[in-house]
Amino acid sequence: MTGIRNIIFDLGGVIINLDNQRTEDAFTAMGVKPFREYFGHGHASSFFSDYEVGGISDQQFVDKIRGLTGVTASDEEIIRAWNALLLDFPPERIQLLKQLRKTYRIFLFSNTNSLHLTALQQIYRNTFTDGELDDHFEKAYYSHTLKMRKPDTGSFQYILKENELKGEETLFVDDALVNVEGAERAGLKGLFLRPGTTIMDFQW
């Protein structure tokens, strides 16, 4: 990759596999119908965004879901349904990260939340015995701790400045086009992983 010295990876759908249908099915089975009326781009979106930037706590988030949907499920049942979309870390992707670190400065930037992060870190530990997920990156950035999220250009500019990276030397990889476009507006190079493709399909 001519001129690239740094790579920033997204997490969900890029490093870890996701299946959003599993969360929809879990909430539907709990009695949340129609699911997308609550969890789509409607009135619920504001507190989802608040949660992704650490604006509300785990308990506040769970309580808001319960209040919004009217379900009588326990905290544990709601959390289990919320995390149901998290699948697995394919070993070949982890191996690729190890190989890339020999040549590039590698970072992670994920729009996520506290409950998902706790769960996916445990999935990683259950699969691999060589440390933590974050160990594969020079630094990992999560929206709920960074207090900023993609595709806001300010979030990318913050990461560039903190690590003294040049945008033209930095590749951002994501499976959401809107996030890649946000990175490009901030001066980074973008790689959009189209549906059906993975980081294993790219010639690094």
N, C-alpha and C. Protein backbone atom coordinates (compact mmCIF):
# COMPACT_ATOMS: atom_id res chain seq x y z
N MET A 1 0.86 -1.18 0.00
CA MET A 1 0.00 0.00 0.00
C MET A 1 0.90 1.24 0.00
N THR A 2 1.04 1.81 -1.14
CA THR A 2 1.96 2.92 -1.33
C THR A 2 1.60 4.11 -0.44
N GLY A 3 2.56 4.56 0.34
CA GLY A 3 2.38 5.75 1.16
C GLY A 3 1.66 5.54 2.47
N ILE A 4 1.15 4.34 2.75
CA ILE A 4 0.41 4.07 3.98
C ILE A 4 1.37 3.57 5.06
N ARG A 5 1.31 4.21 6.22
CA ARG A 5 2.15 3.82 7.34
C ARG A 5 1.33 3.41 8.56
N ASN A 6 0.05 3.79 8.55
CA ASN A 6 -0.82 3.54 9.70
C ASN A 6 -2.17 3.00 9.21
N ILE A 7 -2.77 2.09 10.00
CA ILE A 7 -4.08 1.55 9.66
C ILE A 7 -4.97 1.63 10.90
N ILE A 8 -6.16 2.20 10.72
CA ILE A 8 -7.15 2.23 11.79
C ILE A 8 -8.30 1.31 11.38
N PHE A 9 -8.56 0.29 12.18
CA PHE A 9 -9.62 -0.68 11.88
C PHE A 9 -10.88 -0.39 12.69
N ASP A 10 -12.02 -0.58 12.06
CA ASP A 10 -13.29 -0.71 12.76
C ASP A 10 -13.28 -2.09 13.42
N LEU A 11 -14.22 -2.32 14.34
CA LEU A 11 -14.28 -3.59 15.05
C LEU A 11 -15.44 -4.48 14.57
N GLY A 12 -16.68 -4.04 14.78
CA GLY A 12 -17.83 -4.86 14.43
C GLY A 12 -18.00 -5.04 12.94
N GLY A 13 -18.06 -6.29 12.49
CA GLY A 13 -18.20 -6.58 11.07
C GLY A 13 -16.89 -6.54 10.32
N VAL A 14 -15.81 -6.17 11.02
CA VAL A 14 -14.49 -6.11 10.41
C VAL A 14 -13.53 -7.09 11.11
N ILE A 15 -13.44 -6.98 12.43
CA ILE A 15 -12.62 -7.91 13.21
C ILE A 15 -13.49 -9.00 13.83
N ILE A 16 -14.61 -8.61 14.44
CA ILE A 16 -15.55 -9.58 15.01
C ILE A 16 -16.77 -9.68 14.10
N ASN A 17 -17.28 -10.88 13.93
CA ASN A 17 -18.50 -11.09 13.15
C ASN A 17 -19.73 -10.69 13.97
N LEU A 18 -20.70 -10.11 13.28
CA LEU A 18 -21.96 -9.70 13.92
C LEU A 18 -23.14 -10.30 13.18
N ASP A 19 -24.25 -10.45 13.90
CA ASP A 19 -25.51 -10.85 13.28
C ASP A 19 -26.62 -10.08 13.98
N ASN A 20 -26.97 -8.93 13.42
CA ASN A 20 -27.98 -8.07 14.04
C ASN A 20 -29.33 -8.76 14.17
N GLN A 21 -29.60 -9.73 13.30
CA GLN A 21 -30.87 -10.44 13.35
C GLN A 21 -31.05 -11.17 14.67
N ARG A 22 -29.96 -11.62 15.25
CA ARG A 22 -30.05 -12.35 16.53
C ARG A 22 -30.57 -11.47 17.65
N THR A 23 -30.14 -10.21 17.66
CA THR A 23 -30.66 -9.29 18.68
C THR A 23 -32.13 -8.97 18.41
N GLU A 24 -32.46 -8.78 17.13
CA GLU A 24 -33.86 -8.53 16.81
C GLU A 24 -34.74 -9.71 17.23
N ASP A 25 -34.28 -10.92 16.94
CA ASP A 25 -35.06 -12.12 17.31
C ASP A 25 -35.21 -12.24 18.82
N ALA A 26 -34.13 -11.92 19.55
CA ALA A 26 -34.16 -12.04 21.01
C ALA A 26 -35.17 -11.06 21.62
N PHE A 27 -35.18 -9.84 21.13
CA PHE A 27 -36.13 -8.86 21.66
C PHE A 27 -37.55 -9.16 21.20
N THR A 28 -37.71 -9.66 19.99
CA THR A 28 -39.03 -10.03 19.51
C THR A 28 -39.61 -11.15 20.37
N ALA A 29 -38.76 -12.13 20.71
CA ALA A 29 -39.21 -13.24 21.56
C ALA A 29 -39.58 -12.75 22.96
N MET A 30 -39.00 -11.63 23.35
CA MET A 30 -39.27 -11.03 24.66
C MET A 30 -40.58 -10.26 24.66
N GLY A 31 -41.13 -10.05 23.44
CA GLY A 31 -42.39 -9.34 23.33
C GLY A 31 -42.28 -7.94 22.77
N VAL A 32 -41.08 -7.57 22.29
CA VAL A 32 -40.88 -6.25 21.69
C VAL A 32 -41.30 -6.33 20.23
N LYS A 33 -42.52 -5.88 19.93
CA LYS A 33 -43.05 -5.94 18.56
C LYS A 33 -43.75 -4.63 18.25
N PRO A 34 -43.52 -4.03 17.07
CA PRO A 34 -42.49 -4.43 16.11
C PRO A 34 -41.12 -3.91 16.54
N PHE A 35 -40.11 -4.74 16.47
CA PHE A 35 -38.77 -4.41 16.95
C PHE A 35 -38.23 -3.13 16.33
N ARG A 36 -38.34 -3.01 15.01
CA ARG A 36 -37.68 -1.89 14.33
C ARG A 36 -38.36 -0.55 14.60
N GLU A 37 -39.57 -0.60 15.10
CA GLU A 37 -40.22 0.65 15.48
C GLU A 37 -39.50 1.29 16.67
N TYR A 38 -38.94 0.44 17.51
CA TYR A 38 -38.22 0.92 18.69
C TYR A 38 -36.72 1.08 18.44
N PHE A 39 -36.15 0.16 17.68
CA PHE A 39 -34.70 0.10 17.56
C PHE A 39 -34.17 0.54 16.21
N GLY A 40 -35.05 1.06 15.37
CA GLY A 40 -34.61 1.53 14.06
C GLY A 40 -34.14 2.98 14.13
N HIS A 41 -34.50 3.77 13.14
CA HIS A 41 -34.05 5.15 13.09
C HIS A 41 -35.13 6.10 13.61
N GLY A 42 -35.96 5.59 14.52
CA GLY A 42 -37.04 6.40 15.04
C GLY A 42 -36.71 7.11 16.33
N HIS A 43 -37.69 7.17 17.22
CA HIS A 43 -37.55 7.99 18.43
C HIS A 43 -36.54 7.44 19.42
N ALA A 44 -36.14 6.18 19.28
CA ALA A 44 -35.20 5.60 20.24
C ALA A 44 -33.75 5.98 19.94
N SER A 45 -33.51 6.48 18.74
CA SER A 45 -32.12 6.66 18.30
C SER A 45 -31.32 7.60 19.18
N SER A 46 -31.96 8.60 19.77
CA SER A 46 -31.22 9.59 20.55
C SER A 46 -30.55 8.96 21.75
N PHE A 47 -31.24 8.10 22.50
CA PHE A 47 -30.57 7.54 23.67
C PHE A 47 -29.60 6.43 23.29
N PHE A 48 -29.77 5.81 22.12
CA PHE A 48 -28.74 4.89 21.65
C PHE A 48 -27.45 5.65 21.37
N SER A 49 -27.58 6.80 20.73
CA SER A 49 -26.41 7.63 20.46
C SER A 49 -25.78 8.12 21.75
N ASP A 50 -26.62 8.52 22.71
CA ASP A 50 -26.11 8.94 24.01
C ASP A 50 -25.30 7.84 24.67
N TYR A 51 -25.78 6.61 24.54
CA TYR A 51 -25.10 5.47 25.15
C TYR A 51 -23.77 5.20 24.44
N GLU A 52 -23.74 5.37 23.14
CA GLU A 52 -22.51 5.13 22.38
C GLU A 52 -21.42 6.14 22.67
N VAL A 53 -21.78 7.29 23.19
CA VAL A 53 -20.74 8.27 23.55
C VAL A 53 -20.62 8.42 25.06
N GLY A 54 -21.09 7.41 25.80
CA GLY A 54 -20.92 7.40 27.24
C GLY A 54 -21.75 8.41 27.99
N GLY A 55 -22.84 8.87 27.36
CA GLY A 55 -23.67 9.89 28.00
C GLY A 55 -24.61 9.35 29.06
N ILE A 56 -24.91 8.07 29.02
CA ILE A 56 -25.74 7.43 30.04
C ILE A 56 -25.08 6.13 30.46
N SER A 57 -25.41 5.66 31.66
CA SER A 57 -24.81 4.45 32.22
C SER A 57 -25.48 3.20 31.66
N ASP A 58 -24.87 2.05 31.93
CA ASP A 58 -25.47 0.77 31.53
C ASP A 58 -26.87 0.63 32.12
N GLN A 59 -27.01 0.95 33.41
CA GLN A 59 -28.30 0.79 34.07
C GLN A 59 -29.34 1.74 33.47
N GLN A 60 -28.94 2.96 33.20
CA GLN A 60 -29.87 3.91 32.57
C GLN A 60 -30.30 3.42 31.20
N PHE A 61 -29.37 2.84 30.46
CA PHE A 61 -29.69 2.32 29.13
C PHE A 61 -30.70 1.18 29.21
N VAL A 62 -30.43 0.23 30.11
CA VAL A 62 -31.35 -0.91 30.28
C VAL A 62 -32.72 -0.41 30.72
N ASP A 63 -32.74 0.54 31.64
CA ASP A 63 -34.02 1.07 32.13
C ASP A 63 -34.78 1.78 31.01
N LYS A 64 -34.06 2.49 30.13
CA LYS A 64 -34.70 3.18 29.03
C LYS A 64 -35.30 2.19 28.04
N ILE A 65 -34.61 1.07 27.79
CA ILE A 65 -35.17 0.05 26.91
C ILE A 65 -36.44 -0.51 27.52
N ARG A 66 -36.38 -0.79 28.81
CA ARG A 66 -37.56 -1.35 29.47
C ARG A 66 -38.71 -0.36 29.46
N GLY A 67 -38.41 0.91 29.71
CA GLY A 67 -39.46 1.93 29.70
C GLY A 67 -40.03 2.17 28.32
N LEU A 68 -39.18 2.13 27.32
CA LEU A 68 -39.62 2.38 25.95
C LEU A 68 -40.51 1.26 25.43
N THR A 69 -40.12 0.03 25.68
CA THR A 69 -40.80 -1.12 25.09
C THR A 69 -41.92 -1.68 25.97
N GLY A 70 -41.83 -1.41 27.27
CA GLY A 70 -42.84 -1.94 28.17
C GLY A 70 -42.63 -3.38 28.57
N VAL A 71 -41.49 -3.98 28.20
CA VAL A 71 -41.24 -5.37 28.57
C VAL A 71 -40.96 -5.45 30.07
N THR A 72 -41.27 -6.60 30.64
CA THR A 72 -41.04 -6.81 32.08
C THR A 72 -39.81 -7.68 32.32
N ALA A 73 -38.98 -7.83 31.32
CA ALA A 73 -37.79 -8.67 31.43
C ALA A 73 -36.81 -8.12 32.46
N SER A 74 -35.99 -9.02 32.99
CA SER A 74 -34.96 -8.64 33.96
C SER A 74 -33.82 -7.91 33.25
N ASP A 75 -32.97 -7.27 34.04
CA ASP A 75 -31.79 -6.63 33.48
C ASP A 75 -30.96 -7.63 32.70
N GLU A 76 -30.77 -8.82 33.28
CA GLU A 76 -29.93 -9.84 32.65
C GLU A 76 -30.50 -10.28 31.30
N GLU A 77 -31.81 -10.42 31.22
CA GLU A 77 -32.45 -10.84 29.97
C GLU A 77 -32.30 -9.76 28.89
N ILE A 78 -32.45 -8.51 29.29
CA ILE A 78 -32.30 -7.41 28.32
C ILE A 78 -30.86 -7.33 27.84
N ILE A 79 -29.91 -7.46 28.74
CA ILE A 79 -28.49 -7.40 28.36
C ILE A 79 -28.13 -8.56 27.45
N ARG A 80 -28.65 -9.74 27.77
CA ARG A 80 -28.37 -10.91 26.92
C ARG A 80 -28.92 -10.71 25.51
N ALA A 81 -30.10 -10.14 25.39
CA ALA A 81 -30.68 -9.87 24.08
C ALA A 81 -29.88 -8.79 23.34
N TRP A 82 -29.47 -7.77 24.06
CA TRP A 82 -28.68 -6.67 23.48
C TRP A 82 -27.36 -7.18 22.92
N ASN A 83 -26.75 -8.13 23.61
CA ASN A 83 -25.44 -8.66 23.20
C ASN A 83 -25.54 -9.84 22.24
N ALA A 84 -26.73 -10.29 21.91
CA ALA A 84 -26.90 -11.49 21.10
C ALA A 84 -26.27 -11.38 19.72
N LEU A 85 -26.13 -10.16 19.22
CA LEU A 85 -25.58 -9.97 17.87
C LEU A 85 -24.08 -10.26 17.78
N LEU A 86 -23.39 -10.31 18.92
CA LEU A 86 -21.94 -10.51 18.92
C LEU A 86 -21.63 -11.98 18.70
N LEU A 87 -20.86 -12.28 17.65
CA LEU A 87 -20.57 -13.67 17.29
C LEU A 87 -19.16 -14.10 17.68
N ASP A 88 -18.23 -14.05 16.73
CA ASP A 88 -16.91 -14.65 16.96
C ASP A 88 -15.81 -13.82 16.32
N PHE A 89 -14.59 -14.08 16.76
CA PHE A 89 -13.39 -13.51 16.17
C PHE A 89 -12.71 -14.58 15.32
N PRO A 90 -12.81 -14.52 14.00
CA PRO A 90 -12.13 -15.52 13.17
C PRO A 90 -10.62 -15.47 13.41
N PRO A 91 -9.99 -16.59 13.72
CA PRO A 91 -8.55 -16.59 14.04
C PRO A 91 -7.68 -16.01 12.94
N GLU A 92 -8.09 -16.18 11.68
CA GLU A 92 -7.25 -15.67 10.59
C GLU A 92 -7.20 -14.14 10.60
N ARG A 93 -8.23 -13.49 11.09
CA ARG A 93 -8.22 -12.04 11.16
C ARG A 93 -7.27 -11.57 12.27
N ILE A 94 -7.26 -12.27 13.37
CA ILE A 94 -6.34 -11.94 14.46
C ILE A 94 -4.90 -12.16 14.01
N GLN A 95 -4.67 -13.23 13.28
CA GLN A 95 -3.34 -13.49 12.76
C GLN A 95 -2.90 -12.40 11.79
N LEU A 96 -3.84 -11.90 10.99
CA LEU A 96 -3.53 -10.82 10.06
C LEU A 96 -3.10 -9.56 10.82
N LEU A 97 -3.78 -9.25 11.92
CA LEU A 97 -3.40 -8.10 12.73
C LEU A 97 -1.97 -8.24 13.23
N LYS A 98 -1.61 -9.43 13.66
CA LYS A 98 -0.25 -9.67 14.14
C LYS A 98 0.77 -9.43 13.04
N GLN A 99 0.45 -9.87 11.85
CA GLN A 99 1.36 -9.69 10.71
C GLN A 99 1.48 -8.22 10.33
N LEU A 100 0.34 -7.52 10.32
CA LEU A 100 0.35 -6.11 9.91
C LEU A 100 1.11 -5.24 10.90
N ARG A 101 1.12 -5.61 12.16
CA ARG A 101 1.83 -4.81 13.16
C ARG A 101 3.34 -4.79 12.93
N LYS A 102 3.81 -5.74 12.18
CA LYS A 102 5.25 -5.77 11.88
C LYS A 102 5.63 -4.66 10.89
N THR A 103 4.66 -4.16 10.16
CA THR A 103 4.92 -3.19 9.10
C THR A 103 4.26 -1.84 9.34
N TYR A 104 3.08 -1.86 9.98
CA TYR A 104 2.30 -0.64 10.14
C TYR A 104 2.01 -0.35 11.62
N ARG A 105 1.70 0.91 11.90
CA ARG A 105 1.13 1.26 13.19
C ARG A 105 -0.36 0.95 13.10
N ILE A 106 -0.86 0.13 14.00
CA ILE A 106 -2.23 -0.38 13.93
C ILE A 106 -3.06 0.18 15.08
N PHE A 107 -4.25 0.68 14.75
CA PHE A 107 -5.17 1.23 15.74
C PHE A 107 -6.57 0.64 15.54
N LEU A 108 -7.42 0.82 16.55
CA LEU A 108 -8.81 0.38 16.49
C LEU A 108 -9.69 1.57 16.83
N PHE A 109 -10.78 1.74 16.09
CA PHE A 109 -11.77 2.78 16.41
C PHE A 109 -13.15 2.20 16.18
N SER A 110 -13.90 2.03 17.27
CA SER A 110 -15.20 1.38 17.20
C SER A 110 -16.29 2.24 17.82
N ASN A 111 -17.41 2.36 17.13
CA ASN A 111 -18.63 2.88 17.75
C ASN A 111 -19.24 1.73 18.53
N THR A 112 -19.15 1.78 19.84
CA THR A 112 -19.69 0.68 20.64
C THR A 112 -20.18 1.23 21.97
N ASN A 113 -20.39 0.35 22.92
CA ASN A 113 -20.91 0.75 24.23
C ASN A 113 -20.37 -0.19 25.27
N SER A 114 -20.56 0.17 26.51
CA SER A 114 -19.96 -0.57 27.62
C SER A 114 -20.40 -2.03 27.66
N LEU A 115 -21.68 -2.28 27.49
CA LEU A 115 -22.18 -3.66 27.56
C LEU A 115 -21.62 -4.51 26.43
N HIS A 116 -21.59 -3.98 25.21
CA HIS A 116 -21.03 -4.74 24.09
C HIS A 116 -19.54 -4.97 24.28
N LEU A 117 -18.83 -3.96 24.75
CA LEU A 117 -17.38 -4.11 24.90
C LEU A 117 -17.05 -5.19 25.93
N THR A 118 -17.74 -5.18 27.05
CA THR A 118 -17.51 -6.21 28.07
C THR A 118 -17.76 -7.60 27.51
N ALA A 119 -18.84 -7.75 26.75
CA ALA A 119 -19.18 -9.05 26.20
C ALA A 119 -18.19 -9.50 25.13
N LEU A 120 -17.82 -8.62 24.22
CA LEU A 120 -16.92 -9.04 23.14
C LEU A 120 -15.51 -9.31 23.65
N GLN A 121 -15.10 -8.60 24.69
CA GLN A 121 -13.79 -8.89 25.29
C GLN A 121 -13.79 -10.28 25.91
N GLN A 122 -14.92 -10.67 26.49
CA GLN A 122 -15.01 -12.02 27.05
C GLN A 122 -15.02 -13.07 25.95
N ILE A 123 -15.69 -12.77 24.84
CA ILE A 123 -15.67 -13.69 23.69
C ILE A 123 -14.24 -13.89 23.22
N TYR A 124 -13.47 -12.80 23.18
CA TYR A 124 -12.06 -12.91 22.77
C TYR A 124 -11.29 -13.81 23.74
N ARG A 125 -11.45 -13.59 25.04
CA ARG A 125 -10.72 -14.38 26.04
C ARG A 125 -11.11 -15.85 25.98
N ASN A 126 -12.36 -16.11 25.63
CA ASN A 126 -12.82 -17.50 25.54
C ASN A 126 -12.25 -18.22 24.32
N THR A 127 -11.74 -17.45 23.35
CA THR A 127 -11.25 -18.01 22.10
C THR A 127 -9.73 -18.08 22.04
N PHE A 128 -9.08 -17.07 22.59
CA PHE A 128 -7.62 -16.96 22.49
C PHE A 128 -6.99 -16.90 23.88
N THR A 129 -5.77 -17.35 23.97
CA THR A 129 -5.08 -17.40 25.27
C THR A 129 -3.86 -16.50 25.31
N ASP A 130 -3.73 -15.61 24.32
CA ASP A 130 -2.51 -14.80 24.22
C ASP A 130 -2.76 -13.34 24.57
N GLY A 131 -3.51 -13.10 25.65
CA GLY A 131 -3.73 -11.73 26.08
C GLY A 131 -5.12 -11.22 25.77
N GLU A 132 -5.19 -9.90 25.56
CA GLU A 132 -6.45 -9.22 25.36
C GLU A 132 -6.58 -8.73 23.92
N LEU A 133 -7.81 -8.43 23.51
CA LEU A 133 -8.06 -7.89 22.17
C LEU A 133 -7.25 -6.62 21.93
N ASP A 134 -7.22 -5.73 22.91
CA ASP A 134 -6.54 -4.44 22.73
C ASP A 134 -5.04 -4.59 22.50
N ASP A 135 -4.48 -5.75 22.88
CA ASP A 135 -3.04 -5.96 22.72
C ASP A 135 -2.59 -5.94 21.26
N HIS A 136 -3.53 -6.14 20.34
CA HIS A 136 -3.18 -6.19 18.92
C HIS A 136 -3.05 -4.79 18.30
N PHE A 137 -3.34 -3.77 19.08
CA PHE A 137 -3.33 -2.41 18.56
C PHE A 137 -2.42 -1.52 19.39
N GLU A 138 -1.81 -0.56 18.71
CA GLU A 138 -1.03 0.43 19.45
C GLU A 138 -1.93 1.15 20.44
N LYS A 139 -3.16 1.44 20.01
CA LYS A 139 -4.17 1.98 20.91
C LYS A 139 -5.54 1.67 20.34
N ALA A 140 -6.48 1.35 21.23
CA ALA A 140 -7.85 1.07 20.83
C ALA A 140 -8.74 2.20 21.32
N TYR A 141 -9.58 2.72 20.42
CA TYR A 141 -10.50 3.80 20.75
C TYR A 141 -11.93 3.28 20.65
N TYR A 142 -12.70 3.49 21.74
CA TYR A 142 -14.10 3.09 21.77
C TYR A 142 -14.94 4.35 22.01
N SER A 143 -16.00 4.50 21.23
CA SER A 143 -16.75 5.75 21.24
C SER A 143 -17.25 6.13 22.63
N HIS A 144 -17.65 5.14 23.44
CA HIS A 144 -18.23 5.48 24.74
C HIS A 144 -17.20 5.97 25.74
N THR A 145 -15.92 5.66 25.51
CA THR A 145 -14.87 6.20 26.38
C THR A 145 -14.22 7.43 25.75
N LEU A 146 -14.19 7.48 24.41
CA LEU A 146 -13.65 8.64 23.70
C LEU A 146 -14.61 9.83 23.79
N LYS A 147 -15.91 9.53 23.99
CA LYS A 147 -16.97 10.54 24.03
C LYS A 147 -17.21 11.16 22.65
N MET A 148 -16.77 10.49 21.62
CA MET A 148 -17.00 10.89 20.24
C MET A 148 -17.24 9.64 19.42
N ARG A 149 -17.94 9.80 18.29
CA ARG A 149 -18.24 8.63 17.48
C ARG A 149 -18.06 8.94 16.00
N LYS A 150 -17.90 7.88 15.23
CA LYS A 150 -17.89 7.99 13.77
C LYS A 150 -19.31 8.28 13.29
N PRO A 151 -19.50 9.00 12.22
CA PRO A 151 -18.51 9.49 11.25
C PRO A 151 -18.03 10.92 11.51
N ASP A 152 -18.19 11.44 12.73
CA ASP A 152 -17.81 12.82 13.02
C ASP A 152 -16.33 13.03 12.70
N THR A 153 -16.03 14.03 11.90
CA THR A 153 -14.64 14.27 11.51
C THR A 153 -13.77 14.58 12.73
N GLY A 154 -14.35 15.21 13.73
CA GLY A 154 -13.58 15.53 14.93
C GLY A 154 -13.00 14.32 15.62
N SER A 155 -13.70 13.19 15.54
CA SER A 155 -13.20 11.97 16.18
C SER A 155 -11.94 11.46 15.49
N PHE A 156 -11.94 11.52 14.17
CA PHE A 156 -10.76 11.09 13.42
C PHE A 156 -9.59 12.07 13.63
N GLN A 157 -9.91 13.34 13.64
CA GLN A 157 -8.87 14.35 13.83
C GLN A 157 -8.22 14.21 15.20
N TYR A 158 -9.02 13.85 16.19
CA TYR A 158 -8.49 13.63 17.54
C TYR A 158 -7.47 12.50 17.55
N ILE A 159 -7.81 11.38 16.91
CA ILE A 159 -6.92 10.22 16.87
C ILE A 159 -5.64 10.55 16.12
N LEU A 160 -5.78 11.25 15.00
CA LEU A 160 -4.59 11.65 14.25
C LEU A 160 -3.66 12.51 15.11
N LYS A 161 -4.23 13.51 15.77
CA LYS A 161 -3.42 14.43 16.56
C LYS A 161 -2.76 13.75 17.74
N GLU A 162 -3.52 12.92 18.46
CA GLU A 162 -2.99 12.28 19.67
C GLU A 162 -1.81 11.37 19.35
N ASN A 163 -1.84 10.75 18.17
CA ASN A 163 -0.80 9.79 17.82
C ASN A 163 0.19 10.32 16.80
N GLU A 164 0.08 11.62 16.50
CA GLU A 164 0.97 12.29 15.56
C GLU A 164 1.00 11.55 14.21
N LEU A 165 -0.21 11.28 13.70
CA LEU A 165 -0.37 10.60 12.43
C LEU A 165 -0.71 11.62 11.34
N LYS A 166 -0.26 11.36 10.14
CA LYS A 166 -0.64 12.16 8.99
C LYS A 166 -1.80 11.47 8.29
N GLY A 167 -2.84 12.24 7.99
CA GLY A 167 -4.02 11.65 7.37
C GLY A 167 -3.72 10.94 6.07
N GLU A 168 -2.85 11.51 5.24
CA GLU A 168 -2.55 10.93 3.94
C GLU A 168 -1.75 9.63 4.05
N GLU A 169 -1.21 9.37 5.25
CA GLU A 169 -0.45 8.13 5.49
C GLU A 169 -1.25 7.11 6.28
N THR A 170 -2.54 7.43 6.51
CA THR A 170 -3.36 6.61 7.40
C THR A 170 -4.57 6.05 6.66
N LEU A 171 -4.73 4.73 6.71
CA LEU A 171 -5.86 4.05 6.08
C LEU A 171 -6.89 3.69 7.14
N PHE A 172 -8.15 4.04 6.89
CA PHE A 172 -9.24 3.68 7.79
C PHE A 172 -10.10 2.62 7.13
N VAL A 173 -10.37 1.54 7.85
CA VAL A 173 -11.10 0.39 7.30
C VAL A 173 -12.40 0.19 8.06
N ASP A 174 -13.54 0.18 7.36
CA ASP A 174 -14.84 0.05 8.01
C ASP A 174 -15.81 -0.61 7.04
N ASP A 175 -16.84 -1.25 7.60
CA ASP A 175 -17.86 -1.87 6.75
C ASP A 175 -19.09 -0.98 6.61
N ALA A 176 -19.01 0.26 7.11
CA ALA A 176 -20.10 1.23 6.94
C ALA A 176 -19.58 2.38 6.09
N LEU A 177 -20.17 2.58 4.93
CA LEU A 177 -19.69 3.60 4.00
C LEU A 177 -19.71 4.98 4.62
N VAL A 178 -20.72 5.30 5.42
CA VAL A 178 -20.82 6.62 6.02
C VAL A 178 -19.61 6.92 6.90
N ASN A 179 -19.08 5.89 7.56
CA ASN A 179 -17.91 6.09 8.42
C ASN A 179 -16.65 6.29 7.59
N VAL A 180 -16.54 5.55 6.50
CA VAL A 180 -15.39 5.72 5.60
C VAL A 180 -15.41 7.12 5.02
N GLU A 181 -16.58 7.59 4.64
CA GLU A 181 -16.70 8.94 4.10
C GLU A 181 -16.31 9.99 5.14
N GLY A 182 -16.67 9.75 6.39
CA GLY A 182 -16.29 10.66 7.46
C GLY A 182 -14.78 10.72 7.63
N ALA A 183 -14.13 9.57 7.54
CA ALA A 183 -12.68 9.52 7.64
C ALA A 183 -12.03 10.27 6.49
N GLU A 184 -12.58 10.10 5.30
CA GLU A 184 -12.02 10.78 4.13
C GLU A 184 -12.18 12.29 4.24
N ARG A 185 -13.29 12.73 4.81
CA ARG A 185 -13.47 14.17 5.02
C ARG A 185 -12.44 14.73 6.00
N ALA A 186 -11.96 13.85 6.90
CA ALA A 186 -10.95 14.26 7.88
C ALA A 186 -9.54 14.15 7.31
N GLY A 187 -9.43 13.72 6.05
CA GLY A 187 -8.13 13.67 5.41
C GLY A 187 -7.46 12.32 5.37
N LEU A 188 -8.15 11.27 5.85
CA LEU A 188 -7.59 9.92 5.83
C LEU A 188 -7.91 9.25 4.49
N LYS A 189 -7.22 8.16 4.22
CA LYS A 189 -7.57 7.28 3.12
C LYS A 189 -8.62 6.30 3.65
N GLY A 190 -9.56 5.92 2.80
CA GLY A 190 -10.62 5.04 3.25
C GLY A 190 -10.68 3.73 2.50
N LEU A 191 -11.01 2.67 3.22
CA LEU A 191 -11.26 1.36 2.61
C LEU A 191 -12.61 0.88 3.11
N PHE A 192 -13.60 0.81 2.20
CA PHE A 192 -14.94 0.35 2.53
C PHE A 192 -15.04 -1.13 2.23
N LEU A 193 -15.35 -1.91 3.26
CA LEU A 193 -15.56 -3.35 3.07
C LEU A 193 -17.01 -3.57 2.66
N ARG A 194 -17.21 -3.85 1.40
CA ARG A 194 -18.56 -4.07 0.89
C ARG A 194 -19.14 -5.37 1.43
N PRO A 195 -20.47 -5.46 1.48
CA PRO A 195 -21.11 -6.69 1.97
C PRO A 195 -20.56 -7.92 1.25
N GLY A 196 -20.26 -8.95 2.02
CA GLY A 196 -19.73 -10.18 1.45
C GLY A 196 -18.22 -10.24 1.40
N THR A 197 -17.56 -9.12 1.75
CA THR A 197 -16.10 -9.11 1.75
C THR A 197 -15.58 -8.97 3.17
N THR A 198 -14.33 -9.39 3.40
CA THR A 198 -13.69 -9.26 4.70
C THR A 198 -12.29 -8.70 4.50
N ILE A 199 -11.62 -8.42 5.59
CA ILE A 199 -10.25 -7.91 5.49
C ILE A 199 -9.32 -8.95 4.90
N MET A 200 -9.73 -10.21 4.87
CA MET A 200 -8.90 -11.25 4.29
C MET A 200 -8.90 -11.19 2.76
N ASP A 201 -9.85 -10.45 2.19
CA ASP A 201 -9.94 -10.36 0.73
C ASP A 201 -9.08 -9.24 0.15
N PHE A 202 -8.49 -8.43 1.05
CA PHE A 202 -7.73 -7.26 0.59
C PHE A 202 -6.25 -7.62 0.47
N GLN A 203 -5.60 -7.10 -0.54
CA GLN A 203 -4.17 -7.35 -0.73
C GLN A 203 -3.36 -6.35 0.09
N TRP A 204 -2.97 -6.76 1.26
CA TRP A 204 -2.21 -5.89 2.15
C TRP A 204 -0.73 -5.85 1.72
